[in-house]
Amino acid sequence: MGLLEGLSERVEVPEDVRDAGRRLDRFYVPARYPNGWESGSPHRYFGEEDADGAVRDPDAVLRFCEGLLAG
């Protein structure tokens, strides 16, 4: 999200792209470290909908950035 916030100082970043960045930020630490949650392992905190979003959201951010570079 920090990169998108910095970018928004120069161009308008659509809210759906910002939302995708926020959702992706949630995966950064807790999904990689067993002690990232108060109790239990990471797989107990993520479901199929989370997994689908983790695949879909980067595509939204990449399409936005590719559009900027192509323009």
PDB file of N, CA and C in Angstrom:
ATOM      1  N   MET A   1       0.823  -1.181   0.000  1.00  0.00           N
ATOM      2  CA  MET A   1       0.000   0.000   0.000  1.00  0.00           C
ATOM      3  C   MET A   1       0.866   1.242   0.000  1.00  0.00           C
ATOM      4  N   GLY A   2       2.001   1.190   0.647  1.00  0.00           N
ATOM      5  CA  GLY A   2       2.878   2.346   0.691  1.00  0.00           C
ATOM      6  C   GLY A   2       3.311   2.805  -0.687  1.00  0.00           C
ATOM      7  N   LEU A   3       3.568   1.865  -1.570  1.00  0.00           N
ATOM      8  CA  LEU A   3       3.954   2.229  -2.936  1.00  0.00           C
ATOM      9  C   LEU A   3       2.809   2.905  -3.666  1.00  0.00           C
ATOM     10  N   LEU A   4       1.607   2.399  -3.476  1.00  0.00           N
ATOM     11  CA  LEU A   4       0.446   3.013  -4.123  1.00  0.00           C
ATOM     12  C   LEU A   4       0.167   4.396  -3.549  1.00  0.00           C
ATOM     13  N   GLU A   5       0.390   4.585  -2.254  1.00  0.00           N
ATOM     14  CA  GLU A   5       0.206   5.901  -1.657  1.00  0.00           C
ATOM     15  C   GLU A   5       1.204   6.894  -2.241  1.00  0.00           C
ATOM     16  N   GLY A   6       2.450   6.472  -2.396  1.00  0.00           N
ATOM     17  CA  GLY A   6       3.448   7.339  -3.002  1.00  0.00           C
ATOM     18  C   GLY A   6       3.099   7.674  -4.440  1.00  0.00           C
ATOM     19  N   LEU A   7       2.619   6.691  -5.162  1.00  0.00           N
ATOM     20  CA  LEU A   7       2.233   6.899  -6.554  1.00  0.00           C
ATOM     21  C   LEU A   7       1.053   7.865  -6.657  1.00  0.00           C
ATOM     22  N   SER A   8       0.158   7.814  -5.672  1.00  0.00           N
ATOM     23  CA  SER A   8      -1.030   8.666  -5.715  1.00  0.00           C
ATOM     24  C   SER A   8      -0.684  10.150  -5.571  1.00  0.00           C
ATOM     25  N   GLU A   9       0.538  10.455  -5.181  1.00  0.00           N
ATOM     26  CA  GLU A   9       0.970  11.854  -5.134  1.00  0.00           C
ATOM     27  C   GLU A   9       1.226  12.399  -6.542  1.00  0.00           C
ATOM     28  N   ARG A  10       1.378  11.488  -7.499  1.00  0.00           N
ATOM     29  CA  ARG A  10       1.666  11.895  -8.874  1.00  0.00           C
ATOM     30  C   ARG A  10       0.529  11.640  -9.849  1.00  0.00           C
ATOM     31  N   VAL A  11      -0.209  10.559  -9.618  1.00  0.00           N
ATOM     32  CA  VAL A  11      -1.340  10.212 -10.492  1.00  0.00           C
ATOM     33  C   VAL A  11      -2.511   9.775  -9.630  1.00  0.00           C
ATOM     34  N   GLU A  12      -3.691   9.783 -10.215  1.00  0.00           N
ATOM     35  CA  GLU A  12      -4.874   9.330  -9.489  1.00  0.00           C
ATOM     36  C   GLU A  12      -4.909   7.804  -9.490  1.00  0.00           C
ATOM     37  N   VAL A  13      -4.909   7.235  -8.306  1.00  0.00           N
ATOM     38  CA  VAL A  13      -4.987   5.784  -8.154  1.00  0.00           C
ATOM     39  C   VAL A  13      -6.435   5.447  -7.809  1.00  0.00           C
ATOM     40  N   PRO A  14      -7.105   4.650  -8.649  1.00  0.00           N
ATOM     41  CA  PRO A  14      -8.505   4.303  -8.381  1.00  0.00           C
ATOM     42  C   PRO A  14      -8.683   3.596  -7.035  1.00  0.00           C
ATOM     43  N   GLU A  15      -9.835   3.817  -6.439  1.00  0.00           N
ATOM     44  CA  GLU A  15     -10.109   3.242  -5.124  1.00  0.00           C
ATOM     45  C   GLU A  15     -10.048   1.714  -5.144  1.00  0.00           C
ATOM     46  N   ASP A  16     -10.484   1.074  -6.237  1.00  0.00           N
ATOM     47  CA  ASP A  16     -10.434  -0.392  -6.273  1.00  0.00           C
ATOM     48  C   ASP A  16      -8.993  -0.897  -6.266  1.00  0.00           C
ATOM     49  N   VAL A  17      -8.085  -0.150  -6.848  1.00  0.00           N
ATOM     50  CA  VAL A  17      -6.663  -0.539  -6.830  1.00  0.00           C
ATOM     51  C   VAL A  17      -6.100  -0.323  -5.426  1.00  0.00           C
ATOM     52  N   ARG A  18      -6.483   0.768  -4.781  1.00  0.00           N
ATOM     53  CA  ARG A  18      -6.057   1.001  -3.387  1.00  0.00           C
ATOM     54  C   ARG A  18      -6.580  -0.111  -2.481  1.00  0.00           C
ATOM     55  N   ASP A  19      -7.839  -0.511  -2.691  1.00  0.00           N
ATOM     56  CA  ASP A  19      -8.421  -1.601  -1.898  1.00  0.00           C
ATOM     57  C   ASP A  19      -7.644  -2.892  -2.100  1.00  0.00           C
ATOM     58  N   ALA A  20      -7.272  -3.174  -3.336  1.00  0.00           N
ATOM     59  CA  ALA A  20      -6.489  -4.383  -3.626  1.00  0.00           C
ATOM     60  C   ALA A  20      -5.157  -4.324  -2.888  1.00  0.00           C
ATOM     61  N   GLY A  21      -4.517  -3.168  -2.879  1.00  0.00           N
ATOM     62  CA  GLY A  21      -3.256  -3.012  -2.161  1.00  0.00           C
ATOM     63  C   GLY A  21      -3.412  -3.234  -0.670  1.00  0.00           C
ATOM     64  N   ARG A  22      -4.473  -2.712  -0.103  1.00  0.00           N
ATOM     65  CA  ARG A  22      -4.723  -2.913   1.333  1.00  0.00           C
ATOM     66  C   ARG A  22      -4.938  -4.396   1.658  1.00  0.00           C
ATOM     67  N   ARG A  23      -5.708  -5.066   0.812  1.00  0.00           N
ATOM     68  CA  ARG A  23      -5.937  -6.503   1.057  1.00  0.00           C
ATOM     69  C   ARG A  23      -4.637  -7.291   0.943  1.00  0.00           C
ATOM     70  N   LEU A  24      -3.814  -6.942  -0.016  1.00  0.00           N
ATOM     71  CA  LEU A  24      -2.548  -7.657  -0.186  1.00  0.00           C
ATOM     72  C   LEU A  24      -1.601  -7.413   0.978  1.00  0.00           C
ATOM     73  N   ASP A  25      -1.616  -6.211   1.539  1.00  0.00           N
ATOM     74  CA  ASP A  25      -0.759  -5.908   2.686  1.00  0.00           C
ATOM     75  C   ASP A  25      -1.019  -6.852   3.847  1.00  0.00           C
ATOM     76  N   ARG A  26      -2.256  -7.281   3.999  1.00  0.00           N
ATOM     77  CA  ARG A  26      -2.592  -8.167   5.120  1.00  0.00           C
ATOM     78  C   ARG A  26      -1.907  -9.526   5.034  1.00  0.00           C
ATOM     79  N   PHE A  27      -1.466  -9.905   3.849  1.00  0.00           N
ATOM     80  CA  PHE A  27      -0.820 -11.210   3.678  1.00  0.00           C
ATOM     81  C   PHE A  27       0.674 -11.174   3.978  1.00  0.00           C
ATOM     82  N   TYR A  28       1.261 -10.007   4.011  1.00  0.00           N
ATOM     83  CA  TYR A  28       2.710  -9.887   4.014  1.00  0.00           C
ATOM     84  C   TYR A  28       3.387 -10.632   5.161  1.00  0.00           C
ATOM     85  N   VAL A  29       3.086 -10.341   6.387  1.00  0.00           N
ATOM     86  CA  VAL A  29       3.774 -10.978   7.509  1.00  0.00           C
ATOM     87  C   VAL A  29       3.034 -12.195   8.058  1.00  0.00           C
ATOM     88  N   PRO A  30       1.759 -12.060   8.407  1.00  0.00           N
ATOM     89  CA  PRO A  30       1.098 -13.173   9.093  1.00  0.00           C
ATOM     90  C   PRO A  30       1.056 -14.477   8.307  1.00  0.00           C
ATOM     91  N   ALA A  31       0.963 -14.390   7.002  1.00  0.00           N
ATOM     92  CA  ALA A  31       0.865 -15.624   6.219  1.00  0.00           C
ATOM     93  C   ALA A  31       2.202 -16.349   6.112  1.00  0.00           C
ATOM     94  N   ARG A  32       3.283 -15.684   6.440  1.00  0.00           N
ATOM     95  CA  ARG A  32       4.604 -16.286   6.282  1.00  0.00           C
ATOM     96  C   ARG A  32       5.220 -16.802   7.583  1.00  0.00           C
ATOM     97  N   TYR A  33       4.745 -16.302   8.699  1.00  0.00           N
ATOM     98  CA  TYR A  33       5.371 -16.645   9.968  1.00  0.00           C
ATOM     99  C   TYR A  33       4.368 -17.320  10.896  1.00  0.00           C
ATOM    100  N   PRO A  34       4.709 -18.491  11.413  1.00  0.00           N
ATOM    101  CA  PRO A  34       3.787 -19.229  12.274  1.00  0.00           C
ATOM    102  C   PRO A  34       3.379 -18.447  13.516  1.00  0.00           C
ATOM    103  N   ASN A  35       4.225 -17.546  13.975  1.00  0.00           N
ATOM    104  CA  ASN A  35       3.889 -16.777  15.177  1.00  0.00           C
ATOM    105  C   ASN A  35       3.288 -15.412  14.820  1.00  0.00           C
ATOM    106  N   GLY A  36       2.839 -15.240  13.593  1.00  0.00           N
ATOM    107  CA  GLY A  36       2.240 -13.985  13.173  1.00  0.00           C
ATOM    108  C   GLY A  36       0.840 -13.776  13.738  1.00  0.00           C
ATOM    109  N   TRP A  37       0.245 -14.822  14.280  1.00  0.00           N
ATOM    110  CA  TRP A  37      -1.086 -14.747  14.879  1.00  0.00           C
ATOM    111  C   TRP A  37      -0.994 -15.073  16.356  1.00  0.00           C
ATOM    112  N   GLU A  38      -1.972 -14.637  17.102  1.00  0.00           N
ATOM    113  CA  GLU A  38      -1.963 -14.864  18.548  1.00  0.00           C
ATOM    114  C   GLU A  38      -1.939 -16.358  18.878  1.00  0.00           C
ATOM    115  N   SER A  39      -2.720 -17.145  18.131  1.00  0.00           N
ATOM    116  CA  SER A  39      -2.712 -18.589  18.348  1.00  0.00           C
ATOM    117  C   SER A  39      -3.036 -19.283  17.034  1.00  0.00           C
ATOM    118  N   GLY A  40      -2.606 -20.517  16.905  1.00  0.00           N
ATOM    119  CA  GLY A  40      -2.866 -21.289  15.692  1.00  0.00           C
ATOM    120  C   GLY A  40      -1.923 -20.929  14.559  1.00  0.00           C
ATOM    121  N   SER A  41      -1.970 -21.734  13.525  1.00  0.00           N
ATOM    122  CA  SER A  41      -1.088 -21.507  12.385  1.00  0.00           C
ATOM    123  C   SER A  41      -1.804 -20.680  11.320  1.00  0.00           C
ATOM    124  N   PRO A  42      -1.038 -20.065  10.417  1.00  0.00           N
ATOM    125  CA  PRO A  42      -1.636 -19.175   9.418  1.00  0.00           C
ATOM    126  C   PRO A  42      -2.756 -19.804   8.591  1.00  0.00           C
ATOM    127  N   HIS A  43      -2.650 -21.086   8.269  1.00  0.00           N
ATOM    128  CA  HIS A  43      -3.663 -21.688   7.405  1.00  0.00           C
ATOM    129  C   HIS A  43      -5.065 -21.662   8.032  1.00  0.00           C
ATOM    130  N   ARG A  44      -5.135 -21.493   9.336  1.00  0.00           N
ATOM    131  CA  ARG A  44      -6.435 -21.437  10.004  1.00  0.00           C
ATOM    132  C   ARG A  44      -7.120 -20.083   9.829  1.00  0.00           C
ATOM    133  N   TYR A  45      -6.390 -19.088   9.372  1.00  0.00           N
ATOM    134  CA  TYR A  45      -6.928 -17.736   9.258  1.00  0.00           C
ATOM    135  C   TYR A  45      -7.279 -17.342   7.829  1.00  0.00           C
ATOM    136  N   PHE A  46      -6.951 -18.170   6.873  1.00  0.00           N
ATOM    137  CA  PHE A  46      -7.192 -17.841   5.473  1.00  0.00           C
ATOM    138  C   PHE A  46      -8.057 -18.914   4.834  1.00  0.00           C
ATOM    139  N   GLY A  47      -9.067 -18.464   4.089  1.00  0.00           N
ATOM    140  CA  GLY A  47      -9.968 -19.386   3.417  1.00  0.00           C
ATOM    141  C   GLY A  47      -9.854 -19.261   1.908  1.00  0.00           C
ATOM    142  N   GLU A  48     -10.760 -19.925   1.227  1.00  0.00           N
ATOM    143  CA  GLU A  48     -10.741 -19.936  -0.235  1.00  0.00           C
ATOM    144  C   GLU A  48     -10.947 -18.526  -0.811  1.00  0.00           C
ATOM    145  N   GLU A  49     -11.824 -17.759  -0.201  1.00  0.00           N
ATOM    146  CA  GLU A  49     -12.058 -16.395  -0.678  1.00  0.00           C
ATOM    147  C   GLU A  49     -10.792 -15.546  -0.551  1.00  0.00           C
ATOM    148  N   ASP A  50     -10.061 -15.728   0.542  1.00  0.00           N
ATOM    149  CA  ASP A  50      -8.789 -15.015   0.718  1.00  0.00           C
ATOM    150  C   ASP A  50      -7.786 -15.423  -0.355  1.00  0.00           C
ATOM    151  N   ALA A  51      -7.735 -16.710  -0.631  1.00  0.00           N
ATOM    152  CA  ALA A  51      -6.807 -17.210  -1.648  1.00  0.00           C
ATOM    153  C   ALA A  51      -7.157 -16.667  -3.029  1.00  0.00           C
ATOM    154  N   ASP A  52      -8.436 -16.651  -3.351  1.00  0.00           N
ATOM    155  CA  ASP A  52      -8.865 -16.097  -4.643  1.00  0.00           C
ATOM    156  C   ASP A  52      -8.477 -14.627  -4.753  1.00  0.00           C
ATOM    157  N   GLY A  53      -8.693 -13.872  -3.688  1.00  0.00           N
ATOM    158  CA  GLY A  53      -8.320 -12.462  -3.691  1.00  0.00           C
ATOM    159  C   GLY A  53      -6.821 -12.257  -3.807  1.00  0.00           C
ATOM    160  N   ALA A  54      -6.052 -13.141  -3.181  1.00  0.00           N
ATOM    161  CA  ALA A  54      -4.594 -13.032  -3.230  1.00  0.00           C
ATOM    162  C   ALA A  54      -4.057 -13.259  -4.634  1.00  0.00           C
ATOM    163  N   VAL A  55      -4.827 -13.934  -5.462  1.00  0.00           N
ATOM    164  CA  VAL A  55      -4.458 -14.141  -6.865  1.00  0.00           C
ATOM    165  C   VAL A  55      -5.015 -13.012  -7.726  1.00  0.00           C
ATOM    166  N   ARG A  56      -6.210 -12.572  -7.439  1.00  0.00           N
ATOM    167  CA  ARG A  56      -6.897 -11.558  -8.247  1.00  0.00           C
ATOM    168  C   ARG A  56      -6.350 -10.147  -7.999  1.00  0.00           C
ATOM    169  N   ASP A  57      -6.088  -9.796  -6.758  1.00  0.00           N
ATOM    170  CA  ASP A  57      -5.676  -8.435  -6.424  1.00  0.00           C
ATOM    171  C   ASP A  57      -4.365  -8.000  -7.068  1.00  0.00           C
ATOM    172  N   PRO A  58      -3.340  -8.848  -7.105  1.00  0.00           N
ATOM    173  CA  PRO A  58      -2.110  -8.402  -7.780  1.00  0.00           C
ATOM    174  C   PRO A  58      -2.345  -8.102  -9.263  1.00  0.00           C
ATOM    175  N   ASP A  59      -3.243  -8.857  -9.898  1.00  0.00           N
ATOM    176  CA  ASP A  59      -3.553  -8.590 -11.303  1.00  0.00           C
ATOM    177  C   ASP A  59      -4.140  -7.197 -11.482  1.00  0.00           C
ATOM    178  N   ALA A  60      -5.012  -6.786 -10.556  1.00  0.00           N
ATOM    179  CA  ALA A  60      -5.617  -5.455 -10.642  1.00  0.00           C
ATOM    180  C   ALA A  60      -4.555  -4.367 -10.521  1.00  0.00           C
ATOM    181  N   VAL A  61      -3.645  -4.554  -9.586  1.00  0.00           N
ATOM    182  CA  VAL A  61      -2.569  -3.562  -9.390  1.00  0.00           C
ATOM    183  C   VAL A  61      -1.650  -3.547 -10.611  1.00  0.00           C
ATOM    184  N   LEU A  62      -1.288  -4.716 -11.100  1.00  0.00           N
ATOM    185  CA  LEU A  62      -0.408  -4.782 -12.275  1.00  0.00           C
ATOM    186  C   LEU A  62      -1.043  -4.176 -13.516  1.00  0.00           C
ATOM    187  N   ARG A  63      -2.314  -4.451 -13.758  1.00  0.00           N
ATOM    188  CA  ARG A  63      -3.008  -3.866 -14.921  1.00  0.00           C
ATOM    189  C   ARG A  63      -3.006  -2.343 -14.821  1.00  0.00           C
ATOM    190  N   PHE A  64      -3.238  -1.814 -13.638  1.00  0.00           N
ATOM    191  CA  PHE A  64      -3.222  -0.370 -13.450  1.00  0.00           C
ATOM    192  C   PHE A  64      -1.831   0.188 -13.776  1.00  0.00           C
ATOM    193  N   CYS A  65      -0.799  -0.446 -13.237  1.00  0.00           N
ATOM    194  CA  CYS A  65       0.571   0.037 -13.474  1.00  0.00           C
ATOM    195  C   CYS A  65       0.984  -0.113 -14.925  1.00  0.00           C
ATOM    196  N   GLU A  66       0.594  -1.211 -15.555  1.00  0.00           N
ATOM    197  CA  GLU A  66       0.901  -1.372 -16.983  1.00  0.00           C
ATOM    198  C   GLU A  66       0.231  -0.286 -17.802  1.00  0.00           C
ATOM    199  N   GLY A  67      -0.992   0.081 -17.424  1.00  0.00           N
ATOM    200  CA  GLY A  67      -1.688   1.150 -18.124  1.00  0.00           C
ATOM    201  C   GLY A  67      -0.958   2.480 -17.994  1.00  0.00           C
ATOM    202  N   LEU A  68      -0.390   2.728 -16.818  1.00  0.00           N
ATOM    203  CA  LEU A  68       0.382   3.952 -16.634  1.00  0.00           C
ATOM    204  C   LEU A  68       1.633   3.965 -17.503  1.00  0.00           C
ATOM    205  N   LEU A  69       2.302   2.829 -17.552  1.00  0.00           N
ATOM    206  CA  LEU A  69       3.540   2.748 -18.331  1.00  0.00           C
ATOM    207  C   LEU A  69       3.270   2.828 -19.832  1.00  0.00           C
ATOM    208  N   ALA A  70       2.144   2.274 -20.266  1.00  0.00           N
ATOM    209  CA  ALA A  70       1.809   2.292 -21.690  1.00  0.00           C
ATOM    210  C   ALA A  70       1.380   3.692 -22.137  1.00  0.00           C
ATOM    211  N   GLY A  71       0.829   4.464 -21.180  1.00  0.00           N
ATOM    212  CA  GLY A  71       0.302   5.795 -21.525  1.00  0.00           C
ATOM    213  C   GLY A  71       1.395   6.768 -21.637  1.00  0.00           C
TER     214      GLY A  71
END
